[in-house]
Amino acid sequence: MIEAHATVVTRVVEGGDIRYAYRRFGGGKDPAFLFCQRFISTMDDWDPMITNLLAKGREVILFNNAGVGSSASETLDTVQAMARDALALVDSPRLEQIDL
């Protein structure tokens, strides 16, 4: 069974001193798509029609920023802090290349 937006298990990864909730699904040889969202939206706010379509040919990674949804820590208040979160998430599973 191929995992999809609604069926994939939510996992947790440590990035620095923050625990990030994320989901990975789909596959392919090209770099994974890392989906970033607005300040207080969660990974559940992405439209599954879009993420599932993209996951047919590429891996898709959705995540909650620090302090949002099921991720721990304080809520972020700058785009720079959100970028640090995304980098921490990418470094945790040792992704060599992504499309943001």
PDB file of N, CA and C in Angstrom:
ATOM      1  N   MET A   1       0.833  -1.185   0.000  1.00  0.00           N
ATOM      2  CA  MET A   1       0.000   0.000   0.000  1.00  0.00           C
ATOM      3  C   MET A   1       0.878   1.251   0.000  1.00  0.00           C
ATOM      4  N   ILE A   2       0.595   2.173  -0.871  1.00  0.00           N
ATOM      5  CA  ILE A   2       1.329   3.429  -0.930  1.00  0.00           C
ATOM      6  C   ILE A   2       0.697   4.406   0.053  1.00  0.00           C
ATOM      7  N   GLU A   3       1.534   4.983   0.896  1.00  0.00           N
ATOM      8  CA  GLU A   3       1.037   5.950   1.872  1.00  0.00           C
ATOM      9  C   GLU A   3       0.574   7.217   1.169  1.00  0.00           C
ATOM     10  N   ALA A   4      -0.387   7.889   1.784  1.00  0.00           N
ATOM     11  CA  ALA A   4      -0.909   9.144   1.255  1.00  0.00           C
ATOM     12  C   ALA A   4      -1.091  10.127   2.402  1.00  0.00           C
ATOM     13  N   HIS A   5      -1.436  11.340   2.067  1.00  0.00           N
ATOM     14  CA  HIS A   5      -1.584  12.419   3.036  1.00  0.00           C
ATOM     15  C   HIS A   5      -2.427  11.997   4.245  1.00  0.00           C
ATOM     16  N   ALA A   6      -3.551  11.344   4.015  1.00  0.00           N
ATOM     17  CA  ALA A   6      -4.479  11.007   5.096  1.00  0.00           C
ATOM     18  C   ALA A   6      -4.133   9.712   5.823  1.00  0.00           C
ATOM     19  N   THR A   7      -3.265   8.877   5.247  1.00  0.00           N
ATOM     20  CA  THR A   7      -3.007   7.571   5.860  1.00  0.00           C
ATOM     21  C   THR A   7      -1.622   7.417   6.462  1.00  0.00           C
ATOM     22  N   VAL A   8      -0.706   8.302   6.119  1.00  0.00           N
ATOM     23  CA  VAL A   8       0.660   8.170   6.612  1.00  0.00           C
ATOM     24  C   VAL A   8       0.707   8.503   8.110  1.00  0.00           C
ATOM     25  N   VAL A   9       1.567   7.817   8.818  1.00  0.00           N
ATOM     26  CA  VAL A   9       1.715   8.014  10.261  1.00  0.00           C
ATOM     27  C   VAL A   9       2.506   9.298  10.533  1.00  0.00           C
ATOM     28  N   THR A  10       2.056  10.047  11.516  1.00  0.00           N
ATOM     29  CA  THR A  10       2.802  11.227  11.952  1.00  0.00           C
ATOM     30  C   THR A  10       3.950  10.765  12.832  1.00  0.00           C
ATOM     31  N   ARG A  11       5.138  11.246  12.522  1.00  0.00           N
ATOM     32  CA  ARG A  11       6.336  10.898  13.284  1.00  0.00           C
ATOM     33  C   ARG A  11       6.878  12.140  13.973  1.00  0.00           C
ATOM     34  N   VAL A  12       7.828  11.925  14.865  1.00  0.00           N
ATOM     35  CA  VAL A  12       8.459  13.026  15.581  1.00  0.00           C
ATOM     36  C   VAL A  12       9.963  12.898  15.439  1.00  0.00           C
ATOM     37  N   VAL A  13      10.636  14.031  15.242  1.00  0.00           N
ATOM     38  CA  VAL A  13      12.087  14.049  15.135  1.00  0.00           C
ATOM     39  C   VAL A  13      12.608  15.201  15.989  1.00  0.00           C
ATOM     40  N   GLU A  14      13.788  14.996  16.575  1.00  0.00           N
ATOM     41  CA  GLU A  14      14.437  16.044  17.357  1.00  0.00           C
ATOM     42  C   GLU A  14      15.302  16.879  16.426  1.00  0.00           C
ATOM     43  N   GLY A  15      15.145  18.175  16.501  1.00  0.00           N
ATOM     44  CA  GLY A  15      15.972  19.101  15.745  1.00  0.00           C
ATOM     45  C   GLY A  15      16.448  20.172  16.703  1.00  0.00           C
ATOM     46  N   GLY A  16      17.703  20.104  17.120  1.00  0.00           N
ATOM     47  CA  GLY A  16      18.174  20.996  18.181  1.00  0.00           C
ATOM     48  C   GLY A  16      17.493  20.571  19.469  1.00  0.00           C
ATOM     49  N   ASP A  17      16.814  21.488  20.127  1.00  0.00           N
ATOM     50  CA  ASP A  17      16.101  21.141  21.353  1.00  0.00           C
ATOM     51  C   ASP A  17      14.590  21.128  21.154  1.00  0.00           C
ATOM     52  N   ILE A  18      14.147  21.004  19.907  1.00  0.00           N
ATOM     53  CA  ILE A  18      12.722  21.031  19.581  1.00  0.00           C
ATOM     54  C   ILE A  18      12.311  19.700  18.961  1.00  0.00           C
ATOM     55  N   ARG A  19      11.124  19.233  19.331  1.00  0.00           N
ATOM     56  CA  ARG A  19      10.552  18.025  18.727  1.00  0.00           C
ATOM     57  C   ARG A  19       9.557  18.451  17.657  1.00  0.00           C
ATOM     58  N   TYR A  20       9.826  18.042  16.422  1.00  0.00           N
ATOM     59  CA  TYR A  20       8.973  18.399  15.289  1.00  0.00           C
ATOM     60  C   TYR A  20       8.123  17.205  14.877  1.00  0.00           C
ATOM     61  N   ALA A  21       6.840  17.450  14.677  1.00  0.00           N
ATOM     62  CA  ALA A  21       5.957  16.439  14.103  1.00  0.00           C
ATOM     63  C   ALA A  21       6.032  16.577  12.594  1.00  0.00           C
ATOM     64  N   TYR A  22       6.114  15.433  11.909  1.00  0.00           N
ATOM     65  CA  TYR A  22       6.202  15.489  10.445  1.00  0.00           C
ATOM     66  C   TYR A  22       5.607  14.231   9.839  1.00  0.00           C
ATOM     67  N   ARG A  23       5.355  14.302   8.538  1.00  0.00           N
ATOM     68  CA  ARG A  23       4.890  13.153   7.762  1.00  0.00           C
ATOM     69  C   ARG A  23       5.692  13.094   6.475  1.00  0.00           C
ATOM     70  N   ARG A  24       6.090  11.882   6.094  1.00  0.00           N
ATOM     71  CA  ARG A  24       6.806  11.652   4.827  1.00  0.00           C
ATOM     72  C   ARG A  24       6.070  10.579   4.056  1.00  0.00           C
ATOM     73  N   PHE A  25       5.797  10.852   2.785  1.00  0.00           N
ATOM     74  CA  PHE A  25       5.122   9.859   1.960  1.00  0.00           C
ATOM     75  C   PHE A  25       5.453  10.111   0.502  1.00  0.00           C
ATOM     76  N   GLY A  26       5.124   9.144  -0.327  1.00  0.00           N
ATOM     77  CA  GLY A  26       5.458   9.229  -1.740  1.00  0.00           C
ATOM     78  C   GLY A  26       6.853   8.697  -1.972  1.00  0.00           C
ATOM     79  N   GLY A  27       7.381   8.969  -3.127  1.00  0.00           N
ATOM     80  CA  GLY A  27       8.725   8.494  -3.424  1.00  0.00           C
ATOM     81  C   GLY A  27       9.129   8.811  -4.842  1.00  0.00           C
ATOM     82  N   GLY A  28      10.332   8.484  -5.129  1.00  0.00           N
ATOM     83  CA  GLY A  28      10.909   8.745  -6.440  1.00  0.00           C
ATOM     84  C   GLY A  28      12.377   9.057  -6.289  1.00  0.00           C
ATOM     85  N   LYS A  29      13.039   9.255  -7.398  1.00  0.00           N
ATOM     86  CA  LYS A  29      14.479   9.512  -7.391  1.00  0.00           C
ATOM     87  C   LYS A  29      14.825  10.976  -7.181  1.00  0.00           C
ATOM     88  N   ASP A  30      13.904  11.877  -7.528  1.00  0.00           N
ATOM     89  CA  ASP A  30      14.175  13.311  -7.393  1.00  0.00           C
ATOM     90  C   ASP A  30      14.151  13.732  -5.930  1.00  0.00           C
ATOM     91  N   PRO A  31      14.717  14.891  -5.613  1.00  0.00           N
ATOM     92  CA  PRO A  31      14.711  15.365  -4.225  1.00  0.00           C
ATOM     93  C   PRO A  31      13.284  15.491  -3.679  1.00  0.00           C
ATOM     94  N   ALA A  32      13.159  15.318  -2.386  1.00  0.00           N
ATOM     95  CA  ALA A  32      11.861  15.430  -1.718  1.00  0.00           C
ATOM     96  C   ALA A  32      11.366  16.870  -1.753  1.00  0.00           C
ATOM     97  N   PHE A  33      10.045  17.017  -1.754  1.00  0.00           N
ATOM     98  CA  PHE A  33       9.420  18.320  -1.574  1.00  0.00           C
ATOM     99  C   PHE A  33       9.244  18.548  -0.073  1.00  0.00           C
ATOM    100  N   LEU A  34       9.762  19.639   0.453  1.00  0.00           N
ATOM    101  CA  LEU A  34       9.529  20.019   1.844  1.00  0.00           C
ATOM    102  C   LEU A  34       8.531  21.164   1.831  1.00  0.00           C
ATOM    103  N   PHE A  35       7.371  20.936   2.394  1.00  0.00           N
ATOM    104  CA  PHE A  35       6.308  21.927   2.410  1.00  0.00           C
ATOM    105  C   PHE A  35       6.405  22.766   3.678  1.00  0.00           C
ATOM    106  N   CYS A  36       6.575  24.073   3.514  1.00  0.00           N
ATOM    107  CA  CYS A  36       6.552  25.008   4.644  1.00  0.00           C
ATOM    108  C   CYS A  36       5.204  25.713   4.632  1.00  0.00           C
ATOM    109  N   GLN A  37       4.735  26.086   5.794  1.00  0.00           N
ATOM    110  CA  GLN A  37       3.422  26.718   5.878  1.00  0.00           C
ATOM    111  C   GLN A  37       3.504  28.069   6.582  1.00  0.00           C
ATOM    112  N   ARG A  38       2.351  28.704   6.672  1.00  0.00           N
ATOM    113  CA  ARG A  38       2.262  30.005   7.336  1.00  0.00           C
ATOM    114  C   ARG A  38       2.572  29.855   8.823  1.00  0.00           C
ATOM    115  N   PHE A  39       2.618  30.957   9.517  1.00  0.00           N
ATOM    116  CA  PHE A  39       3.034  30.973  10.918  1.00  0.00           C
ATOM    117  C   PHE A  39       2.265  30.001  11.810  1.00  0.00           C
ATOM    118  N   ILE A  40       0.945  29.967  11.746  1.00  0.00           N
ATOM    119  CA  ILE A  40       0.196  29.138  12.688  1.00  0.00           C
ATOM    120  C   ILE A  40      -0.585  28.013  12.024  1.00  0.00           C
ATOM    121  N   SER A  41      -0.360  27.773  10.763  1.00  0.00           N
ATOM    122  CA  SER A  41      -1.060  26.661  10.124  1.00  0.00           C
ATOM    123  C   SER A  41      -0.285  25.372  10.392  1.00  0.00           C
ATOM    124  N   THR A  42      -0.965  24.254  10.235  1.00  0.00           N
ATOM    125  CA  THR A  42      -0.351  22.951  10.492  1.00  0.00           C
ATOM    126  C   THR A  42      -0.209  22.168   9.192  1.00  0.00           C
ATOM    127  N   MET A  43       0.447  21.029   9.294  1.00  0.00           N
ATOM    128  CA  MET A  43       0.607  20.188   8.107  1.00  0.00           C
ATOM    129  C   MET A  43      -0.737  19.667   7.616  1.00  0.00           C
ATOM    130  N   ASP A  44      -1.756  19.688   8.467  1.00  0.00           N
ATOM    131  CA  ASP A  44      -3.087  19.250   8.053  1.00  0.00           C
ATOM    132  C   ASP A  44      -3.804  20.282   7.194  1.00  0.00           C
ATOM    133  N   ASP A  45      -3.259  21.488   7.095  1.00  0.00           N
ATOM    134  CA  ASP A  45      -3.889  22.530   6.286  1.00  0.00           C
ATOM    135  C   ASP A  45      -3.577  22.408   4.798  1.00  0.00           C
ATOM    136  N   TRP A  46      -2.624  21.554   4.433  1.00  0.00           N
ATOM    137  CA  TRP A  46      -2.329  21.360   3.010  1.00  0.00           C
ATOM    138  C   TRP A  46      -3.448  20.552   2.370  1.00  0.00           C
ATOM    139  N   ASP A  47      -3.749  20.851   1.128  1.00  0.00           N
ATOM    140  CA  ASP A  47      -4.796  20.151   0.391  1.00  0.00           C
ATOM    141  C   ASP A  47      -4.273  18.776  -0.047  1.00  0.00           C
ATOM    142  N   PRO A  48      -4.907  17.684   0.437  1.00  0.00           N
ATOM    143  CA  PRO A  48      -4.446  16.340   0.057  1.00  0.00           C
ATOM    144  C   PRO A  48      -4.478  16.077  -1.443  1.00  0.00           C
ATOM    145  N   MET A  49      -5.348  16.748  -2.173  1.00  0.00           N
ATOM    146  CA  MET A  49      -5.361  16.546  -3.630  1.00  0.00           C
ATOM    147  C   MET A  49      -4.029  16.976  -4.230  1.00  0.00           C
ATOM    148  N   ILE A  50      -3.451  18.040  -3.694  1.00  0.00           N
ATOM    149  CA  ILE A  50      -2.170  18.533  -4.198  1.00  0.00           C
ATOM    150  C   ILE A  50      -1.028  17.655  -3.705  1.00  0.00           C
ATOM    151  N   THR A  51      -0.972  17.393  -2.411  1.00  0.00           N
ATOM    152  CA  THR A  51       0.154  16.632  -1.861  1.00  0.00           C
ATOM    153  C   THR A  51       0.170  15.198  -2.381  1.00  0.00           C
ATOM    154  N   ASN A  52      -0.990  14.576  -2.514  1.00  0.00           N
ATOM    155  CA  ASN A  52      -1.041  13.204  -3.032  1.00  0.00           C
ATOM    156  C   ASN A  52      -0.630  13.142  -4.500  1.00  0.00           C
ATOM    157  N   LEU A  53      -1.033  14.134  -5.272  1.00  0.00           N
ATOM    158  CA  LEU A  53      -0.643  14.177  -6.687  1.00  0.00           C
ATOM    159  C   LEU A  53       0.878  14.307  -6.806  1.00  0.00           C
ATOM    160  N   LEU A  54       1.474  15.206  -6.031  1.00  0.00           N
ATOM    161  CA  LEU A  54       2.932  15.377  -6.068  1.00  0.00           C
ATOM    162  C   LEU A  54       3.658  14.133  -5.562  1.00  0.00           C
ATOM    163  N   ALA A  55       3.058  13.435  -4.598  1.00  0.00           N
ATOM    164  CA  ALA A  55       3.689  12.246  -4.013  1.00  0.00           C
ATOM    165  C   ALA A  55       3.711  11.058  -4.966  1.00  0.00           C
ATOM    166  N   LYS A  56       3.013  11.147  -6.071  1.00  0.00           N
ATOM    167  CA  LYS A  56       3.057  10.054  -7.053  1.00  0.00           C
ATOM    168  C   LYS A  56       4.428   9.946  -7.701  1.00  0.00           C
ATOM    169  N   GLY A  57       5.168  11.065  -7.741  1.00  0.00           N
ATOM    170  CA  GLY A  57       6.471  11.025  -8.391  1.00  0.00           C
ATOM    171  C   GLY A  57       7.613  11.500  -7.513  1.00  0.00           C
ATOM    172  N   ARG A  58       7.301  12.057  -6.359  1.00  0.00           N
ATOM    173  CA  ARG A  58       8.330  12.596  -5.466  1.00  0.00           C
ATOM    174  C   ARG A  58       7.932  12.322  -4.028  1.00  0.00           C
ATOM    175  N   GLU A  59       8.915  12.279  -3.154  1.00  0.00           N
ATOM    176  CA  GLU A  59       8.604  12.197  -1.734  1.00  0.00           C
ATOM    177  C   GLU A  59       8.115  13.565  -1.267  1.00  0.00           C
ATOM    178  N   VAL A  60       7.114  13.572  -0.397  1.00  0.00           N
ATOM    179  CA  VAL A  60       6.555  14.791   0.172  1.00  0.00           C
ATOM    180  C   VAL A  60       6.799  14.758   1.673  1.00  0.00           C
ATOM    181  N   ILE A  61       7.276  15.881   2.217  1.00  0.00           N
ATOM    182  CA  ILE A  61       7.483  16.001   3.658  1.00  0.00           C
ATOM    183  C   ILE A  61       6.680  17.198   4.146  1.00  0.00           C
ATOM    184  N   LEU A  62       5.760  16.923   5.054  1.00  0.00           N
ATOM    185  CA  LEU A  62       4.961  17.961   5.697  1.00  0.00           C
ATOM    186  C   LEU A  62       5.404  18.032   7.145  1.00  0.00           C
ATOM    187  N   PHE A  63       5.397  19.217   7.751  1.00  0.00           N
ATOM    188  CA  PHE A  63       5.768  19.299   9.161  1.00  0.00           C
ATOM    189  C   PHE A  63       5.087  20.473   9.838  1.00  0.00           C
ATOM    190  N   ASN A  64       5.046  20.411  11.149  1.00  0.00           N
ATOM    191  CA  ASN A  64       4.536  21.513  11.959  1.00  0.00           C
ATOM    192  C   ASN A  64       5.719  22.286  12.509  1.00  0.00           C
ATOM    193  N   ASN A  65       5.674  23.606  12.363  1.00  0.00           N
ATOM    194  CA  ASN A  65       6.705  24.454  12.954  1.00  0.00           C
ATOM    195  C   ASN A  65       6.680  24.326  14.477  1.00  0.00           C
ATOM    196  N   ALA A  66       7.713  24.795  15.115  1.00  0.00           N
ATOM    197  CA  ALA A  66       7.785  24.781  16.578  1.00  0.00           C
ATOM    198  C   ALA A  66       6.572  25.500  17.165  1.00  0.00           C
ATOM    199  N   GLY A  67       5.984  24.887  18.180  1.00  0.00           N
ATOM    200  CA  GLY A  67       4.867  25.496  18.885  1.00  0.00           C
ATOM    201  C   GLY A  67       3.543  25.446  18.161  1.00  0.00           C
ATOM    202  N   VAL A  68       3.485  24.755  17.022  1.00  0.00           N
ATOM    203  CA  VAL A  68       2.255  24.676  16.239  1.00  0.00           C
ATOM    204  C   VAL A  68       1.817  23.222  16.142  1.00  0.00           C
ATOM    205  N   GLY A  69       0.524  22.984  16.315  1.00  0.00           N
ATOM    206  CA  GLY A  69      -0.001  21.630  16.203  1.00  0.00           C
ATOM    207  C   GLY A  69       0.665  20.706  17.195  1.00  0.00           C
ATOM    208  N   SER A  70       1.200  19.610  16.700  1.00  0.00           N
ATOM    209  CA  SER A  70       1.795  18.601  17.567  1.00  0.00           C
ATOM    210  C   SER A  70       3.301  18.751  17.745  1.00  0.00           C
ATOM    211  N   SER A  71       3.871  19.872  17.321  1.00  0.00           N
ATOM    212  CA  SER A  71       5.290  20.138  17.557  1.00  0.00           C
ATOM    213  C   SER A  71       5.448  20.916  18.859  1.00  0.00           C
ATOM    214  N   ALA A  72       6.551  20.668  19.548  1.00  0.00           N
ATOM    215  CA  ALA A  72       6.792  21.283  20.849  1.00  0.00           C
ATOM    216  C   ALA A  72       7.462  22.641  20.707  1.00  0.00           C
ATOM    217  N   SER A  73       7.582  23.351  21.800  1.00  0.00           N
ATOM    218  CA  SER A  73       8.314  24.604  21.941  1.00  0.00           C
ATOM    219  C   SER A  73       7.381  25.800  21.828  1.00  0.00           C
ATOM    220  N   GLU A  74       7.972  26.982  21.747  1.00  0.00           N
ATOM    221  CA  GLU A  74       7.230  28.237  21.629  1.00  0.00           C
ATOM    222  C   GLU A  74       6.904  28.496  20.162  1.00  0.00           C
ATOM    223  N   THR A  75       5.790  29.162  19.925  1.00  0.00           N
ATOM    224  CA  THR A  75       5.409  29.520  18.560  1.00  0.00           C
ATOM    225  C   THR A  75       6.387  30.553  18.008  1.00  0.00           C
ATOM    226  N   LEU A  76       6.761  30.391  16.756  1.00  0.00           N
ATOM    227  CA  LEU A  76       7.719  31.291  16.109  1.00  0.00           C
ATOM    228  C   LEU A  76       7.053  32.586  15.681  1.00  0.00           C
ATOM    229  N   ASP A  77       7.853  33.670  15.633  1.00  0.00           N
ATOM    230  CA  ASP A  77       7.269  34.950  15.249  1.00  0.00           C
ATOM    231  C   ASP A  77       8.009  35.645  14.112  1.00  0.00           C
ATOM    232  N   THR A  78       8.962  34.946  13.478  1.00  0.00           N
ATOM    233  CA  THR A  78       9.654  35.521  12.324  1.00  0.00           C
ATOM    234  C   THR A  78       9.852  34.467  11.244  1.00  0.00           C
ATOM    235  N   VAL A  79       9.980  34.925  10.022  1.00  0.00           N
ATOM    236  CA  VAL A  79      10.261  34.013   8.913  1.00  0.00           C
ATOM    237  C   VAL A  79      11.658  33.413   9.088  1.00  0.00           C
ATOM    238  N   GLN A  80      12.595  34.178   9.613  1.00  0.00           N
ATOM    239  CA  GLN A  80      13.944  33.666   9.858  1.00  0.00           C
ATOM    240  C   GLN A  80      13.905  32.476  10.819  1.00  0.00           C
ATOM    241  N   ALA A  81      13.110  32.561  11.872  1.00  0.00           N
ATOM    242  CA  ALA A  81      12.991  31.451  12.816  1.00  0.00           C
ATOM    243  C   ALA A  81      12.344  30.242  12.139  1.00  0.00           C
ATOM    244  N   MET A  82      11.375  30.486  11.267  1.00  0.00           N
ATOM    245  CA  MET A  82      10.747  29.390  10.536  1.00  0.00           C
ATOM    246  C   MET A  82      11.755  28.704   9.615  1.00  0.00           C
ATOM    247  N   ALA A  83      12.647  29.477   9.015  1.00  0.00           N
ATOM    248  CA  ALA A  83      13.688  28.906   8.156  1.00  0.00           C
ATOM    249  C   ALA A  83      14.637  28.034   8.976  1.00  0.00           C
ATOM    250  N   ARG A  84      14.984  28.477  10.185  1.00  0.00           N
ATOM    251  CA  ARG A  84      15.836  27.651  11.061  1.00  0.00           C
ATOM    252  C   ARG A  84      15.142  26.340  11.383  1.00  0.00           C
ATOM    253  N   ASP A  85      13.823  26.380  11.615  1.00  0.00           N
ATOM    254  CA  ASP A  85      13.061  25.155  11.867  1.00  0.00           C
ATOM    255  C   ASP A  85      13.160  24.203  10.687  1.00  0.00           C
ATOM    256  N   ALA A  86      12.940  24.732   9.495  1.00  0.00           N
ATOM    257  CA  ALA A  86      12.991  23.890   8.298  1.00  0.00           C
ATOM    258  C   ALA A  86      14.369  23.256   8.146  1.00  0.00           C
ATOM    259  N   LEU A  87      15.424  24.017   8.381  1.00  0.00           N
ATOM    260  CA  LEU A  87      16.786  23.473   8.287  1.00  0.00           C
ATOM    261  C   LEU A  87      17.039  22.411   9.350  1.00  0.00           C
ATOM    262  N   ALA A  88      16.540  22.628  10.547  1.00  0.00           N
ATOM    263  CA  ALA A  88      16.707  21.627  11.616  1.00  0.00           C
ATOM    264  C   ALA A  88      16.006  20.335  11.229  1.00  0.00           C
ATOM    265  N   LEU A  89      14.840  20.452  10.627  1.00  0.00           N
ATOM    266  CA  LEU A  89      14.105  19.272  10.201  1.00  0.00           C
ATOM    267  C   LEU A  89      14.851  18.535   9.093  1.00  0.00           C
ATOM    268  N   VAL A  90      15.390  19.265   8.147  1.00  0.00           N
ATOM    269  CA  VAL A  90      16.131  18.661   7.034  1.00  0.00           C
ATOM    270  C   VAL A  90      17.397  17.976   7.546  1.00  0.00           C
ATOM    271  N   ASP A  91      18.069  18.568   8.515  1.00  0.00           N
ATOM    272  CA  ASP A  91      19.295  17.986   9.059  1.00  0.00           C
ATOM    273  C   ASP A  91      19.037  16.723   9.864  1.00  0.00           C
ATOM    274  N   SER A  92      17.866  16.610  10.486  1.00  0.00           N
ATOM    275  CA  SER A  92      17.596  15.461  11.354  1.00  0.00           C
ATOM    276  C   SER A  92      17.590  14.134  10.612  1.00  0.00           C
ATOM    277  N   PRO A  93      16.820  13.984   9.520  1.00  0.00           N
ATOM    278  CA  PRO A  93      16.877  12.704   8.809  1.00  0.00           C
ATOM    279  C   PRO A  93      17.991  12.646   7.766  1.00  0.00           C
ATOM    280  N   ARG A  94      18.873  13.650   7.789  1.00  0.00           N
ATOM    281  CA  ARG A  94      20.029  13.689   6.893  1.00  0.00           C
ATOM    282  C   ARG A  94      19.631  13.697   5.410  1.00  0.00           C
ATOM    283  N   LEU A  95      18.701  14.550   5.085  1.00  0.00           N
ATOM    284  CA  LEU A  95      18.340  14.723   3.682  1.00  0.00           C
ATOM    285  C   LEU A  95      19.463  15.502   3.002  1.00  0.00           C
ATOM    286  N   GLU A  96      19.927  15.003   1.896  1.00  0.00           N
ATOM    287  CA  GLU A  96      21.030  15.669   1.204  1.00  0.00           C
ATOM    288  C   GLU A  96      20.553  16.808   0.325  1.00  0.00           C
ATOM    289  N   GLN A  97      19.342  16.693  -0.201  1.00  0.00           N
ATOM    290  CA  GLN A  97      18.827  17.728  -1.090  1.00  0.00           C
ATOM    291  C   GLN A  97      17.309  17.716  -1.005  1.00  0.00           C
ATOM    292  N   ILE A  98      16.698  18.898  -1.051  1.00  0.00           N
ATOM    293  CA  ILE A  98      15.241  19.023  -1.048  1.00  0.00           C
ATOM    294  C   ILE A  98      14.832  20.110  -2.033  1.00  0.00           C
ATOM    295  N   ASP A  99      13.567  20.112  -2.371  1.00  0.00           N
ATOM    296  CA  ASP A  99      12.935  21.236  -3.063  1.00  0.00           C
ATOM    297  C   ASP A  99      11.974  21.834  -2.059  1.00  0.00           C
ATOM    298  N   LEU A 100      12.131  23.122  -1.819  1.00  0.00           N
ATOM    299  CA  LEU A 100      11.330  23.802  -0.804  1.00  0.00           C
ATOM    300  C   LEU A 100      10.133  24.472  -1.437  1.00  0.00           C
TER     301      LEU A 100
END
